[in-house]
Amino acid sequence: MGMNTNIEINHYMADVSGLEKRLPQLTQEIFAKHTDVFAGMNYTIDKTDERFPVLVVKKGKKKLEIPAHKSVAYLNKKAFDIGSVVVYIDKTDTFYLPASLTEQLK
Protein backbone atom coordinates (compact mmCIF):
# COMPACT_ATOMS: atom_id res chain seq x y z
CA MET A 1 0.00 0.00 0.00
CA GLY A 2 1.24 3.44 -0.74
CA MET A 3 0.96 6.37 -3.05
CA ASN A 4 2.79 6.93 -6.33
CA THR A 5 3.13 10.21 -8.17
CA ASN A 6 2.51 10.51 -11.89
CA ILE A 7 6.28 10.82 -12.40
CA GLU A 8 6.90 7.55 -10.57
CA ILE A 9 4.22 5.85 -12.65
CA ASN A 10 5.86 7.19 -15.82
CA HIS A 11 9.24 5.76 -14.75
CA TYR A 12 7.66 2.43 -13.85
CA MET A 13 5.78 2.18 -17.18
CA ALA A 14 8.92 3.11 -19.14
CA ASP A 15 10.93 0.45 -17.29
CA VAL A 16 8.27 -2.24 -17.77
CA SER A 17 7.90 -1.34 -21.45
CA GLY A 18 11.65 -1.48 -22.01
CA LEU A 19 11.87 2.15 -23.11
CA GLU A 20 15.37 3.55 -22.95
CA LYS A 21 14.20 7.16 -22.70
CA ARG A 22 11.81 8.90 -20.35
CA LEU A 23 8.53 10.47 -21.49
CA PRO A 24 9.72 14.13 -21.52
CA GLN A 25 12.64 13.27 -23.81
CA LEU A 26 10.43 11.17 -26.10
CA THR A 27 7.89 13.99 -26.25
CA GLN A 28 10.59 16.48 -27.32
CA GLU A 29 11.78 14.11 -30.05
CA ILE A 30 8.40 12.94 -31.36
CA PHE A 31 6.16 15.98 -30.83
CA ALA A 32 8.39 18.98 -31.54
CA LYS A 33 6.87 22.20 -32.88
CA HIS A 34 7.35 22.60 -36.62
CA THR A 35 8.58 26.15 -36.03
CA ASP A 36 11.50 24.72 -34.02
CA VAL A 37 12.18 21.71 -36.27
CA PHE A 38 12.27 23.76 -39.47
CA ALA A 39 13.56 27.06 -38.05
CA GLY A 40 15.28 29.11 -40.74
CA MET A 41 13.81 26.99 -43.55
CA ASN A 42 11.19 27.89 -46.13
CA TYR A 43 7.86 26.34 -45.12
CA THR A 44 4.17 27.01 -45.71
CA ILE A 45 0.90 25.45 -44.57
CA ASP A 46 -1.41 24.32 -47.36
CA LYS A 47 -5.00 24.60 -46.10
CA THR A 48 -6.74 23.57 -49.32
CA ASP A 49 -8.53 20.98 -47.18
CA GLU A 50 -8.95 22.75 -43.83
CA ARG A 51 -9.63 19.46 -42.04
CA PHE A 52 -6.26 18.07 -43.16
CA PRO A 53 -3.70 20.86 -43.65
CA VAL A 54 -0.29 19.97 -45.04
CA LEU A 55 3.03 21.42 -43.91
CA VAL A 56 5.21 21.98 -46.97
CA VAL A 57 8.96 22.46 -46.44
CA LYS A 58 11.32 23.25 -49.32
CA LYS A 59 15.09 23.10 -49.35
CA GLY A 60 16.89 23.22 -52.68
CA LYS A 61 15.36 20.60 -54.95
CA LYS A 62 13.74 18.76 -52.05
CA LYS A 63 10.10 19.21 -51.13
CA LEU A 64 8.82 17.63 -47.93
CA GLU A 65 5.04 17.43 -47.49
CA ILE A 66 3.74 16.48 -44.05
CA PRO A 67 -0.03 15.98 -43.74
CA ALA A 68 -1.71 16.57 -40.40
CA HIS A 69 -3.15 13.61 -38.48
CA LYS A 70 -1.15 11.00 -40.42
CA SER A 71 2.04 8.99 -39.90
CA VAL A 72 3.18 9.32 -43.50
CA ALA A 73 5.10 12.15 -45.14
CA TYR A 74 6.17 12.68 -48.74
CA LEU A 75 9.64 13.60 -49.97
CA ASN A 76 9.45 14.71 -53.59
CA LYS A 77 6.07 12.91 -53.76
CA LYS A 78 7.52 9.61 -52.50
CA ALA A 79 5.76 8.38 -49.33
CA PHE A 80 7.63 7.24 -46.21
CA ASP A 81 6.62 6.30 -42.66
CA ILE A 82 7.63 8.87 -40.07
CA GLY A 83 7.04 6.60 -37.08
CA SER A 84 4.50 8.82 -35.33
CA VAL A 85 1.24 10.59 -36.01
CA VAL A 86 1.59 14.29 -36.78
CA VAL A 87 -0.59 16.43 -34.54
CA TYR A 88 -1.96 19.75 -35.83
CA ILE A 89 -3.51 22.39 -33.57
CA ASP A 90 -5.60 24.78 -35.63
CA LYS A 91 -5.94 27.41 -32.90
CA THR A 92 -2.18 28.00 -32.91
CA ASP A 93 -1.55 26.87 -36.51
CA THR A 94 1.14 24.51 -35.18
CA PHE A 95 2.23 21.04 -36.25
CA TYR A 96 3.79 18.70 -33.67
CA LEU A 97 6.03 16.18 -35.39
CA PRO A 98 9.25 14.15 -35.08
CA ALA A 99 12.32 16.37 -34.85
CA SER A 100 14.19 13.82 -36.99
CA LEU A 101 12.30 14.97 -40.10
CA THR A 102 15.02 17.53 -40.78
CA GLU A 103 17.24 14.57 -41.77
CA GLN A 104 15.07 14.11 -44.87
CA LEU A 105 16.18 17.50 -46.19
CA LYS A 106 19.93 16.95 -45.96
PDB file of N, CA and C in Angstrom:
ATOM      1  N   MET A   1       0.844  -1.166   0.000  1.00  0.00           N
ATOM      2  CA  MET A   1       0.000   0.000   0.000  1.00  0.00           C
ATOM      3  C   MET A   1       0.891   1.232   0.000  1.00  0.00           C
ATOM      4  N   GLY A   2       0.456   2.226  -0.679  1.00  0.00           N
ATOM      5  CA  GLY A   2       1.236   3.440  -0.743  1.00  0.00           C
ATOM      6  C   GLY A   2       0.676   4.358  -1.812  1.00  0.00           C
ATOM      7  N   MET A   3       1.413   5.407  -2.056  1.00  0.00           N
ATOM      8  CA  MET A   3       0.963   6.367  -3.050  1.00  0.00           C
ATOM      9  C   MET A   3       2.102   6.618  -4.016  1.00  0.00           C
ATOM     10  N   ASN A   4       1.796   6.642  -5.298  1.00  0.00           N
ATOM     11  CA  ASN A   4       2.788   6.931  -6.326  1.00  0.00           C
ATOM     12  C   ASN A   4       2.399   8.213  -7.053  1.00  0.00           C
ATOM     13  N   THR A   5       3.388   9.003  -7.400  1.00  0.00           N
ATOM     14  CA  THR A   5       3.127  10.214  -8.167  1.00  0.00           C
ATOM     15  C   THR A   5       3.077   9.849  -9.647  1.00  0.00           C
ATOM     16  N   ASN A   6       2.572  10.765 -10.454  1.00  0.00           N
ATOM     17  CA  ASN A   6       2.508  10.513 -11.890  1.00  0.00           C
ATOM     18  C   ASN A   6       3.913  10.323 -12.479  1.00  0.00           C
ATOM     19  N   ILE A   7       4.899  10.976 -11.926  1.00  0.00           N
ATOM     20  CA  ILE A   7       6.278  10.818 -12.404  1.00  0.00           C
ATOM     21  C   ILE A   7       6.777   9.407 -12.108  1.00  0.00           C
ATOM     22  N   GLU A   8       6.484   8.911 -10.920  1.00  0.00           N
ATOM     23  CA  GLU A   8       6.895   7.550 -10.570  1.00  0.00           C
ATOM     24  C   GLU A   8       6.198   6.519 -11.462  1.00  0.00           C
ATOM     25  N   ILE A   9       4.949   6.763 -11.766  1.00  0.00           N
ATOM     26  CA  ILE A   9       4.217   5.848 -12.653  1.00  0.00           C
ATOM     27  C   ILE A   9       4.837   5.879 -14.046  1.00  0.00           C
ATOM     28  N   ASN A  10       5.206   7.068 -14.517  1.00  0.00           N
ATOM     29  CA  ASN A  10       5.865   7.186 -15.820  1.00  0.00           C
ATOM     30  C   ASN A  10       7.162   6.379 -15.838  1.00  0.00           C
ATOM     31  N   HIS A  11       7.977   6.505 -14.815  1.00  0.00           N
ATOM     32  CA  HIS A  11       9.242   5.764 -14.748  1.00  0.00           C
ATOM     33  C   HIS A  11       8.980   4.262 -14.724  1.00  0.00           C
ATOM     34  N   TYR A  12       7.993   3.849 -13.939  1.00  0.00           N
ATOM     35  CA  TYR A  12       7.658   2.430 -13.851  1.00  0.00           C
ATOM     36  C   TYR A  12       7.202   1.900 -15.214  1.00  0.00           C
ATOM     37  N   MET A  13       6.299   2.616 -15.885  1.00  0.00           N
ATOM     38  CA  MET A  13       5.785   2.181 -17.181  1.00  0.00           C
ATOM     39  C   MET A  13       6.901   2.141 -18.233  1.00  0.00           C
ATOM     40  N   ALA A  14       7.800   3.105 -18.194  1.00  0.00           N
ATOM     41  CA  ALA A  14       8.921   3.107 -19.139  1.00  0.00           C
ATOM     42  C   ALA A  14       9.830   1.910 -18.897  1.00  0.00           C
ATOM     43  N   ASP A  15      10.094   1.596 -17.630  1.00  0.00           N
ATOM     44  CA  ASP A  15      10.933   0.449 -17.294  1.00  0.00           C
ATOM     45  C   ASP A  15      10.280  -0.864 -17.723  1.00  0.00           C
ATOM     46  N   VAL A  16       8.999  -1.013 -17.424  1.00  0.00           N
ATOM     47  CA  VAL A  16       8.273  -2.241 -17.766  1.00  0.00           C
ATOM     48  C   VAL A  16       8.182  -2.411 -19.288  1.00  0.00           C
ATOM     49  N   SER A  17       8.024  -1.301 -19.997  1.00  0.00           N
ATOM     50  CA  SER A  17       7.897  -1.344 -21.454  1.00  0.00           C
ATOM     51  C   SER A  17       9.236  -1.515 -22.156  1.00  0.00           C
ATOM     52  N   GLY A  18      10.325  -1.359 -21.407  1.00  0.00           N
ATOM     53  CA  GLY A  18      11.646  -1.482 -22.011  1.00  0.00           C
ATOM     54  C   GLY A  18      12.106  -0.234 -22.740  1.00  0.00           C
ATOM     55  N   LEU A  19      11.465   0.896 -22.467  1.00  0.00           N
ATOM     56  CA  LEU A  19      11.871   2.149 -23.111  1.00  0.00           C
ATOM     57  C   LEU A  19      13.195   2.626 -22.534  1.00  0.00           C
ATOM     58  N   GLU A  20      14.063   3.069 -23.396  1.00  0.00           N
ATOM     59  CA  GLU A  20      15.370   3.549 -22.950  1.00  0.00           C
ATOM     60  C   GLU A  20      15.340   5.020 -22.548  1.00  0.00           C
ATOM     61  N   LYS A  21      14.301   5.736 -22.980  1.00  0.00           N
ATOM     62  CA  LYS A  21      14.199   7.162 -22.700  1.00  0.00           C
ATOM     63  C   LYS A  21      12.935   7.433 -21.887  1.00  0.00           C
ATOM     64  N   ARG A  22      12.957   8.501 -21.153  1.00  0.00           N
ATOM     65  CA  ARG A  22      11.805   8.901 -20.352  1.00  0.00           C
ATOM     66  C   ARG A  22      10.831   9.714 -21.210  1.00  0.00           C
ATOM     67  N   LEU A  23       9.605   9.811 -20.748  1.00  0.00           N
ATOM     68  CA  LEU A  23       8.533  10.472 -21.489  1.00  0.00           C
ATOM     69  C   LEU A  23       8.870  11.907 -21.912  1.00  0.00           C
ATOM     70  N   PRO A  24       9.421  12.755 -21.069  1.00  0.00           N
ATOM     71  CA  PRO A  24       9.723  14.125 -21.515  1.00  0.00           C
ATOM     72  C   PRO A  24      10.683  14.158 -22.714  1.00  0.00           C
ATOM     73  N   GLN A  25      11.691  13.303 -22.690  1.00  0.00           N
ATOM     74  CA  GLN A  25      12.641  13.266 -23.807  1.00  0.00           C
ATOM     75  C   GLN A  25      11.966  12.732 -25.073  1.00  0.00           C
ATOM     76  N   LEU A  26      11.153  11.697 -24.953  1.00  0.00           N
ATOM     77  CA  LEU A  26      10.429  11.167 -26.104  1.00  0.00           C
ATOM     78  C   LEU A  26       9.473  12.212 -26.680  1.00  0.00           C
ATOM     79  N   THR A  27       8.817  12.950 -25.803  1.00  0.00           N
ATOM     80  CA  THR A  27       7.889  13.987 -26.251  1.00  0.00           C
ATOM     81  C   THR A  27       8.630  15.046 -27.055  1.00  0.00           C
ATOM     82  N   GLN A  28       9.801  15.473 -26.599  1.00  0.00           N
ATOM     83  CA  GLN A  28      10.592  16.477 -27.323  1.00  0.00           C
ATOM     84  C   GLN A  28      11.029  15.961 -28.684  1.00  0.00           C
ATOM     85  N   GLU A  29      11.318  14.680 -28.786  1.00  0.00           N
ATOM     86  CA  GLU A  29      11.777  14.107 -30.047  1.00  0.00           C
ATOM     87  C   GLU A  29      10.635  13.820 -31.014  1.00  0.00           C
ATOM     88  N   ILE A  30       9.494  13.390 -30.503  1.00  0.00           N
ATOM     89  CA  ILE A  30       8.398  12.942 -31.363  1.00  0.00           C
ATOM     90  C   ILE A  30       7.376  14.040 -31.632  1.00  0.00           C
ATOM     91  N   PHE A  31       7.171  14.939 -30.678  1.00  0.00           N
ATOM     92  CA  PHE A  31       6.157  15.980 -30.831  1.00  0.00           C
ATOM     93  C   PHE A  31       6.769  17.373 -30.694  1.00  0.00           C
ATOM     94  N   ALA A  32       7.748  17.652 -31.536  1.00  0.00           N
ATOM     95  CA  ALA A  32       8.385  18.976 -31.542  1.00  0.00           C
ATOM     96  C   ALA A  32       7.578  19.928 -32.421  1.00  0.00           C
ATOM     97  N   LYS A  33       7.576  21.196 -32.080  1.00  0.00           N
ATOM     98  CA  LYS A  33       6.874  22.198 -32.885  1.00  0.00           C
ATOM     99  C   LYS A  33       7.558  22.343 -34.236  1.00  0.00           C
ATOM    100  N   HIS A  34       6.770  22.456 -35.284  1.00  0.00           N
ATOM    101  CA  HIS A  34       7.350  22.596 -36.622  1.00  0.00           C
ATOM    102  C   HIS A  34       8.185  23.874 -36.743  1.00  0.00           C
ATOM    103  N   THR A  35       7.824  24.896 -35.978  1.00  0.00           N
ATOM    104  CA  THR A  35       8.581  26.147 -36.028  1.00  0.00           C
ATOM    105  C   THR A  35       9.993  25.974 -35.472  1.00  0.00           C
ATOM    106  N   ASP A  36      10.166  25.017 -34.560  1.00  0.00           N
ATOM    107  CA  ASP A  36      11.497  24.720 -34.023  1.00  0.00           C
ATOM    108  C   ASP A  36      12.249  23.766 -34.950  1.00  0.00           C
ATOM    109  N   VAL A  37      11.551  22.738 -35.421  1.00  0.00           N
ATOM    110  CA  VAL A  37      12.183  21.714 -36.266  1.00  0.00           C
ATOM    111  C   VAL A  37      12.693  22.319 -37.568  1.00  0.00           C
ATOM    112  N   PHE A  38      11.904  23.195 -38.167  1.00  0.00           N
ATOM    113  CA  PHE A  38      12.266  23.758 -39.468  1.00  0.00           C
ATOM    114  C   PHE A  38      12.633  25.239 -39.384  1.00  0.00           C
ATOM    115  N   ALA A  39      13.150  25.665 -38.242  1.00  0.00           N
ATOM    116  CA  ALA A  39      13.559  27.064 -38.055  1.00  0.00           C
ATOM    117  C   ALA A  39      14.582  27.455 -39.124  1.00  0.00           C
ATOM    118  N   GLY A  40      14.362  28.607 -39.725  1.00  0.00           N
ATOM    119  CA  GLY A  40      15.278  29.113 -40.740  1.00  0.00           C
ATOM    120  C   GLY A  40      15.052  28.521 -42.122  1.00  0.00           C
ATOM    121  N   MET A  41      14.105  27.595 -42.250  1.00  0.00           N
ATOM    122  CA  MET A  41      13.815  26.992 -43.555  1.00  0.00           C
ATOM    123  C   MET A  41      12.545  27.602 -44.139  1.00  0.00           C
ATOM    124  N   ASN A  42      12.360  27.390 -45.419  1.00  0.00           N
ATOM    125  CA  ASN A  42      11.192  27.889 -46.127  1.00  0.00           C
ATOM    126  C   ASN A  42      10.054  26.885 -46.000  1.00  0.00           C
ATOM    127  N   TYR A  43       9.009  27.235 -45.250  1.00  0.00           N
ATOM    128  CA  TYR A  43       7.858  26.345 -45.116  1.00  0.00           C
ATOM    129  C   TYR A  43       6.556  27.135 -45.191  1.00  0.00           C
ATOM    130  N   THR A  44       5.513  26.438 -45.638  1.00  0.00           N
ATOM    131  CA  THR A  44       4.174  27.007 -45.709  1.00  0.00           C
ATOM    132  C   THR A  44       3.184  25.945 -45.218  1.00  0.00           C
ATOM    133  N   ILE A  45       1.964  26.377 -44.953  1.00  0.00           N
ATOM    134  CA  ILE A  45       0.903  25.447 -44.569  1.00  0.00           C
ATOM    135  C   ILE A  45      -0.186  25.527 -45.627  1.00  0.00           C
ATOM    136  N   ASP A  46      -0.391  24.416 -46.321  1.00  0.00           N
ATOM    137  CA  ASP A  46      -1.414  24.318 -47.362  1.00  0.00           C
ATOM    138  C   ASP A  46      -2.729  23.934 -46.688  1.00  0.00           C
ATOM    139  N   LYS A  47      -3.701  24.838 -46.737  1.00  0.00           N
ATOM    140  CA  LYS A  47      -4.997  24.599 -46.105  1.00  0.00           C
ATOM    141  C   LYS A  47      -6.100  24.413 -47.140  1.00  0.00           C
ATOM    142  N   THR A  48      -5.741  23.838 -48.294  1.00  0.00           N
ATOM    143  CA  THR A  48      -6.738  23.572 -49.317  1.00  0.00           C
ATOM    144  C   THR A  48      -7.880  22.764 -48.721  1.00  0.00           C
ATOM    145  N   ASP A  49      -7.544  21.741 -47.944  1.00  0.00           N
ATOM    146  CA  ASP A  49      -8.535  20.978 -47.177  1.00  0.00           C
ATOM    147  C   ASP A  49      -8.306  21.361 -45.714  1.00  0.00           C
ATOM    148  N   GLU A  50      -9.156  22.225 -45.185  1.00  0.00           N
ATOM    149  CA  GLU A  50      -8.953  22.754 -43.832  1.00  0.00           C
ATOM    150  C   GLU A  50      -8.962  21.682 -42.753  1.00  0.00           C
ATOM    151  N   ARG A  51      -9.605  20.546 -43.023  1.00  0.00           N
ATOM    152  CA  ARG A  51      -9.625  19.463 -42.036  1.00  0.00           C
ATOM    153  C   ARG A  51      -8.274  18.745 -41.974  1.00  0.00           C
ATOM    154  N   PHE A  52      -7.543  18.763 -43.081  1.00  0.00           N
ATOM    155  CA  PHE A  52      -6.257  18.068 -43.158  1.00  0.00           C
ATOM    156  C   PHE A  52      -5.199  18.961 -43.798  1.00  0.00           C
ATOM    157  N   PRO A  53      -4.743  19.990 -43.094  1.00  0.00           N
ATOM    158  CA  PRO A  53      -3.701  20.856 -43.653  1.00  0.00           C
ATOM    159  C   PRO A  53      -2.396  20.081 -43.850  1.00  0.00           C
ATOM    160  N   VAL A  54      -1.559  20.612 -44.720  1.00  0.00           N
ATOM    161  CA  VAL A  54      -0.289  19.967 -45.042  1.00  0.00           C
ATOM    162  C   VAL A  54       0.836  20.981 -44.847  1.00  0.00           C
ATOM    163  N   LEU A  55       1.836  20.592 -44.070  1.00  0.00           N
ATOM    164  CA  LEU A  55       3.028  21.415 -43.907  1.00  0.00           C
ATOM    165  C   LEU A  55       3.949  21.114 -45.081  1.00  0.00           C
ATOM    166  N   VAL A  56       4.351  22.142 -45.803  1.00  0.00           N
ATOM    167  CA  VAL A  56       5.213  21.980 -46.974  1.00  0.00           C
ATOM    168  C   VAL A  56       6.529  22.688 -46.688  1.00  0.00           C
ATOM    169  N   VAL A  57       7.630  21.918 -46.719  1.00  0.00           N
ATOM    170  CA  VAL A  57       8.956  22.464 -46.441  1.00  0.00           C
ATOM    171  C   VAL A  57       9.814  22.262 -47.680  1.00  0.00           C
ATOM    172  N   LYS A  58      10.472  23.337 -48.127  1.00  0.00           N
ATOM    173  CA  LYS A  58      11.316  23.250 -49.317  1.00  0.00           C
ATOM    174  C   LYS A  58      12.755  23.605 -48.963  1.00  0.00           C
ATOM    175  N   LYS A  59      13.665  22.810 -49.510  1.00  0.00           N
ATOM    176  CA  LYS A  59      15.090  23.098 -49.353  1.00  0.00           C
ATOM    177  C   LYS A  59      15.782  22.616 -50.623  1.00  0.00           C
ATOM    178  N   GLY A  60      16.268  23.572 -51.403  1.00  0.00           N
ATOM    179  CA  GLY A  60      16.893  23.223 -52.677  1.00  0.00           C
ATOM    180  C   GLY A  60      15.881  22.534 -53.575  1.00  0.00           C
ATOM    181  N   LYS A  61      16.249  21.356 -54.068  1.00  0.00           N
ATOM    182  CA  LYS A  61      15.362  20.595 -54.951  1.00  0.00           C
ATOM    183  C   LYS A  61      14.451  19.645 -54.175  1.00  0.00           C
ATOM    184  N   LYS A  62      14.540  19.670 -52.874  1.00  0.00           N
ATOM    185  CA  LYS A  62      13.741  18.764 -52.049  1.00  0.00           C
ATOM    186  C   LYS A  62      12.484  19.461 -51.555  1.00  0.00           C
ATOM    187  N   LYS A  63      11.390  18.703 -51.611  1.00  0.00           N
ATOM    188  CA  LYS A  63      10.100  19.207 -51.127  1.00  0.00           C
ATOM    189  C   LYS A  63       9.515  18.143 -50.199  1.00  0.00           C
ATOM    190  N   LEU A  64       9.350  18.526 -48.941  1.00  0.00           N
ATOM    191  CA  LEU A  64       8.817  17.632 -47.926  1.00  0.00           C
ATOM    192  C   LEU A  64       7.390  18.074 -47.607  1.00  0.00           C
ATOM    193  N   GLU A  65       6.438  17.143 -47.782  1.00  0.00           N
ATOM    194  CA  GLU A  65       5.039  17.426 -47.486  1.00  0.00           C
ATOM    195  C   GLU A  65       4.609  16.546 -46.322  1.00  0.00           C
ATOM    196  N   ILE A  66       4.092  17.191 -45.276  1.00  0.00           N
ATOM    197  CA  ILE A  66       3.740  16.480 -44.046  1.00  0.00           C
ATOM    198  C   ILE A  66       2.266  16.754 -43.734  1.00  0.00           C
ATOM    199  N   PRO A  67       1.393  15.791 -44.031  1.00  0.00           N
ATOM    200  CA  PRO A  67      -0.027  15.981 -43.743  1.00  0.00           C
ATOM    201  C   PRO A  67      -0.319  15.865 -42.250  1.00  0.00           C
ATOM    202  N   ALA A  68      -1.272  16.649 -41.796  1.00  0.00           N
ATOM    203  CA  ALA A  68      -1.711  16.572 -40.403  1.00  0.00           C
ATOM    204  C   ALA A  68      -2.467  15.271 -40.170  1.00  0.00           C
ATOM    205  N   HIS A  69      -2.372  14.767 -38.944  1.00  0.00           N
ATOM    206  CA  HIS A  69      -3.149  13.611 -38.481  1.00  0.00           C
ATOM    207  C   HIS A  69      -2.787  12.308 -39.189  1.00  0.00           C
ATOM    208  N   LYS A  70      -1.591  12.223 -39.742  1.00  0.00           N
ATOM    209  CA  LYS A  70      -1.152  11.002 -40.420  1.00  0.00           C
ATOM    210  C   LYS A  70       0.255  10.646 -39.953  1.00  0.00           C
ATOM    211  N   SER A  71       0.681   9.431 -40.252  1.00  0.00           N
ATOM    212  CA  SER A  71       2.039   8.993 -39.895  1.00  0.00           C
ATOM    213  C   SER A  71       2.886   8.793 -41.140  1.00  0.00           C
ATOM    214  N   VAL A  72       2.470   9.412 -42.229  1.00  0.00           N
ATOM    215  CA  VAL A  72       3.180   9.321 -43.503  1.00  0.00           C
ATOM    216  C   VAL A  72       3.512  10.731 -43.963  1.00  0.00           C
ATOM    217  N   ALA A  73       4.706  10.889 -44.531  1.00  0.00           N
ATOM    218  CA  ALA A  73       5.098  12.151 -45.144  1.00  0.00           C
ATOM    219  C   ALA A  73       5.570  11.827 -46.563  1.00  0.00           C
ATOM    220  N   TYR A  74       5.784  12.867 -47.347  1.00  0.00           N
ATOM    221  CA  TYR A  74       6.174  12.685 -48.743  1.00  0.00           C
ATOM    222  C   TYR A  74       7.399  13.537 -49.045  1.00  0.00           C
ATOM    223  N   LEU A  75       8.438  12.895 -49.537  1.00  0.00           N
ATOM    224  CA  LEU A  75       9.644  13.599 -49.966  1.00  0.00           C
ATOM    225  C   LEU A  75       9.683  13.505 -51.475  1.00  0.00           C
ATOM    226  N   ASN A  76       9.541  14.671 -52.131  1.00  0.00           N
ATOM    227  CA  ASN A  76       9.449  14.711 -53.591  1.00  0.00           C
ATOM    228  C   ASN A  76       8.400  13.717 -54.094  1.00  0.00           C
ATOM    229  N   LYS A  77       7.249  13.728 -53.425  1.00  0.00           N
ATOM    230  CA  LYS A  77       6.065  12.912 -53.757  1.00  0.00           C
ATOM    231  C   LYS A  77       6.221  11.428 -53.452  1.00  0.00           C
ATOM    232  N   LYS A  78       7.328  11.014 -52.862  1.00  0.00           N
ATOM    233  CA  LYS A  78       7.519   9.611 -52.499  1.00  0.00           C
ATOM    234  C   LYS A  78       7.191   9.455 -51.012  1.00  0.00           C
ATOM    235  N   ALA A  79       6.237   8.565 -50.701  1.00  0.00           N
ATOM    236  CA  ALA A  79       5.762   8.380 -49.327  1.00  0.00           C
ATOM    237  C   ALA A  79       6.774   7.616 -48.475  1.00  0.00           C
ATOM    238  N   PHE A  80       6.836   7.984 -47.181  1.00  0.00           N
ATOM    239  CA  PHE A  80       7.629   7.236 -46.215  1.00  0.00           C
ATOM    240  C   PHE A  80       6.977   7.359 -44.837  1.00  0.00           C
ATOM    241  N   ASP A  81       7.185   6.344 -44.017  1.00  0.00           N
ATOM    242  CA  ASP A  81       6.621   6.300 -42.663  1.00  0.00           C
ATOM    243  C   ASP A  81       7.486   7.149 -41.737  1.00  0.00           C
ATOM    244  N   ILE A  82       6.850   8.021 -40.980  1.00  0.00           N
ATOM    245  CA  ILE A  82       7.630   8.872 -40.074  1.00  0.00           C
ATOM    246  C   ILE A  82       7.663   8.341 -38.649  1.00  0.00           C
ATOM    247  N   GLY A  83       6.956   7.251 -38.390  1.00  0.00           N
ATOM    248  CA  GLY A  83       7.038   6.603 -37.083  1.00  0.00           C
ATOM    249  C   GLY A  83       6.164   7.184 -35.992  1.00  0.00           C
ATOM    250  N   SER A  84       5.385   8.205 -36.315  1.00  0.00           N
ATOM    251  CA  SER A  84       4.504   8.822 -35.331  1.00  0.00           C
ATOM    252  C   SER A  84       3.422   9.600 -36.063  1.00  0.00           C
ATOM    253  N   VAL A  85       2.303   9.777 -35.430  1.00  0.00           N
ATOM    254  CA  VAL A  85       1.242  10.586 -36.011  1.00  0.00           C
ATOM    255  C   VAL A  85       1.582  12.064 -35.815  1.00  0.00           C
ATOM    256  N   VAL A  86       1.371  12.840 -36.854  1.00  0.00           N
ATOM    257  CA  VAL A  86       1.591  14.286 -36.783  1.00  0.00           C
ATOM    258  C   VAL A  86       0.333  14.929 -36.198  1.00  0.00           C
ATOM    259  N   VAL A  87       0.525  15.737 -35.189  1.00  0.00           N
ATOM    260  CA  VAL A  87      -0.591  16.427 -34.544  1.00  0.00           C
ATOM    261  C   VAL A  87      -0.603  17.871 -35.042  1.00  0.00           C
ATOM    262  N   TYR A  88      -1.800  18.360 -35.390  1.00  0.00           N
ATOM    263  CA  TYR A  88      -1.960  19.746 -35.826  1.00  0.00           C
ATOM    264  C   TYR A  88      -2.976  20.431 -34.922  1.00  0.00           C
ATOM    265  N   ILE A  89      -2.612  21.592 -34.406  1.00  0.00           N
ATOM    266  CA  ILE A  89      -3.505  22.391 -33.568  1.00  0.00           C
ATOM    267  C   ILE A  89      -3.899  23.634 -34.367  1.00  0.00           C
ATOM    268  N   ASP A  90      -5.157  23.684 -34.779  1.00  0.00           N
ATOM    269  CA  ASP A  90      -5.602  24.780 -35.633  1.00  0.00           C
ATOM    270  C   ASP A  90      -5.620  26.132 -34.932  1.00  0.00           C
ATOM    271  N   LYS A  91      -5.881  26.142 -33.633  1.00  0.00           N
ATOM    272  CA  LYS A  91      -5.944  27.415 -32.900  1.00  0.00           C
ATOM    273  C   LYS A  91      -4.601  28.148 -32.897  1.00  0.00           C
ATOM    274  N   THR A  92      -3.508  27.386 -32.905  1.00  0.00           N
ATOM    275  CA  THR A  92      -2.178  27.997 -32.905  1.00  0.00           C
ATOM    276  C   THR A  92      -1.464  27.819 -34.239  1.00  0.00           C
ATOM    277  N   ASP A  93      -2.128  27.125 -35.186  1.00  0.00           N
ATOM    278  CA  ASP A  93      -1.547  26.870 -36.508  1.00  0.00           C
ATOM    279  C   ASP A  93      -0.182  26.185 -36.381  1.00  0.00           C
ATOM    280  N   THR A  94      -0.126  25.175 -35.504  1.00  0.00           N
ATOM    281  CA  THR A  94       1.139  24.509 -35.185  1.00  0.00           C
ATOM    282  C   THR A  94       1.043  23.010 -35.422  1.00  0.00           C
ATOM    283  N   PHE A  95       2.077  22.471 -36.077  1.00  0.00           N
ATOM    284  CA  PHE A  95       2.234  21.036 -36.251  1.00  0.00           C
ATOM    285  C   PHE A  95       3.186  20.526 -35.168  1.00  0.00           C
ATOM    286  N   TYR A  96       2.899  19.364 -34.614  1.00  0.00           N
ATOM    287  CA  TYR A  96       3.790  18.699 -33.674  1.00  0.00           C
ATOM    288  C   TYR A  96       4.221  17.399 -34.336  1.00  0.00           C
ATOM    289  N   LEU A  97       5.529  17.278 -34.564  1.00  0.00           N
ATOM    290  CA  LEU A  97       6.033  16.178 -35.388  1.00  0.00           C
ATOM    291  C   LEU A  97       7.427  15.751 -34.952  1.00  0.00           C
ATOM    292  N   PRO A  98       7.912  14.609 -35.460  1.00  0.00           N
ATOM    293  CA  PRO A  98       9.246  14.147 -35.078  1.00  0.00           C
ATOM    294  C   PRO A  98      10.347  15.131 -35.499  1.00  0.00           C
ATOM    295  N   ALA A  99      11.216  15.446 -34.568  1.00  0.00           N
ATOM    296  CA  ALA A  99      12.322  16.366 -34.851  1.00  0.00           C
ATOM    297  C   ALA A  99      13.270  15.790 -35.895  1.00  0.00           C
ATOM    298  N   SER A 100      13.282  14.490 -36.046  1.00  0.00           N
ATOM    299  CA  SER A 100      14.186  13.822 -36.993  1.00  0.00           C
ATOM    300  C   SER A 100      13.829  14.081 -38.450  1.00  0.00           C
ATOM    301  N   LEU A 101      12.689  14.710 -38.715  1.00  0.00           N
ATOM    302  CA  LEU A 101      12.296  14.971 -40.104  1.00  0.00           C
ATOM    303  C   LEU A 101      13.267  15.886 -40.833  1.00  0.00           C
ATOM    304  N   THR A 102      14.033  16.659 -40.113  1.00  0.00           N
ATOM    305  CA  THR A 102      15.021  17.529 -40.781  1.00  0.00           C
ATOM    306  C   THR A 102      16.054  16.695 -41.540  1.00  0.00           C
ATOM    307  N   GLU A 103      16.272  15.463 -41.108  1.00  0.00           N
ATOM    308  CA  GLU A 103      17.238  14.565 -41.775  1.00  0.00           C
ATOM    309  C   GLU A 103      16.824  14.324 -43.230  1.00  0.00           C
ATOM    310  N   GLN A 104      15.553  14.366 -43.513  1.00  0.00           N
ATOM    311  CA  GLN A 104      15.065  14.114 -44.873  1.00  0.00           C
ATOM    312  C   GLN A 104      15.499  15.204 -45.845  1.00  0.00           C
ATOM    313  N   LEU A 105      15.824  16.378 -45.338  1.00  0.00           N
ATOM    314  CA  LEU A 105      16.177  17.500 -46.193  1.00  0.00           C
ATOM    315  C   LEU A 105      17.676  17.725 -46.353  1.00  0.00           C
ATOM    316  N   LYS A 106      18.464  16.801 -45.840  1.00  0.00           N
ATOM    317  CA  LYS A 106      19.934  16.953 -45.961  1.00  0.00           C
ATOM    318  C   LYS A 106      20.413  16.431 -47.289  1.00  0.00           C
TER     319      LYS A 106
END
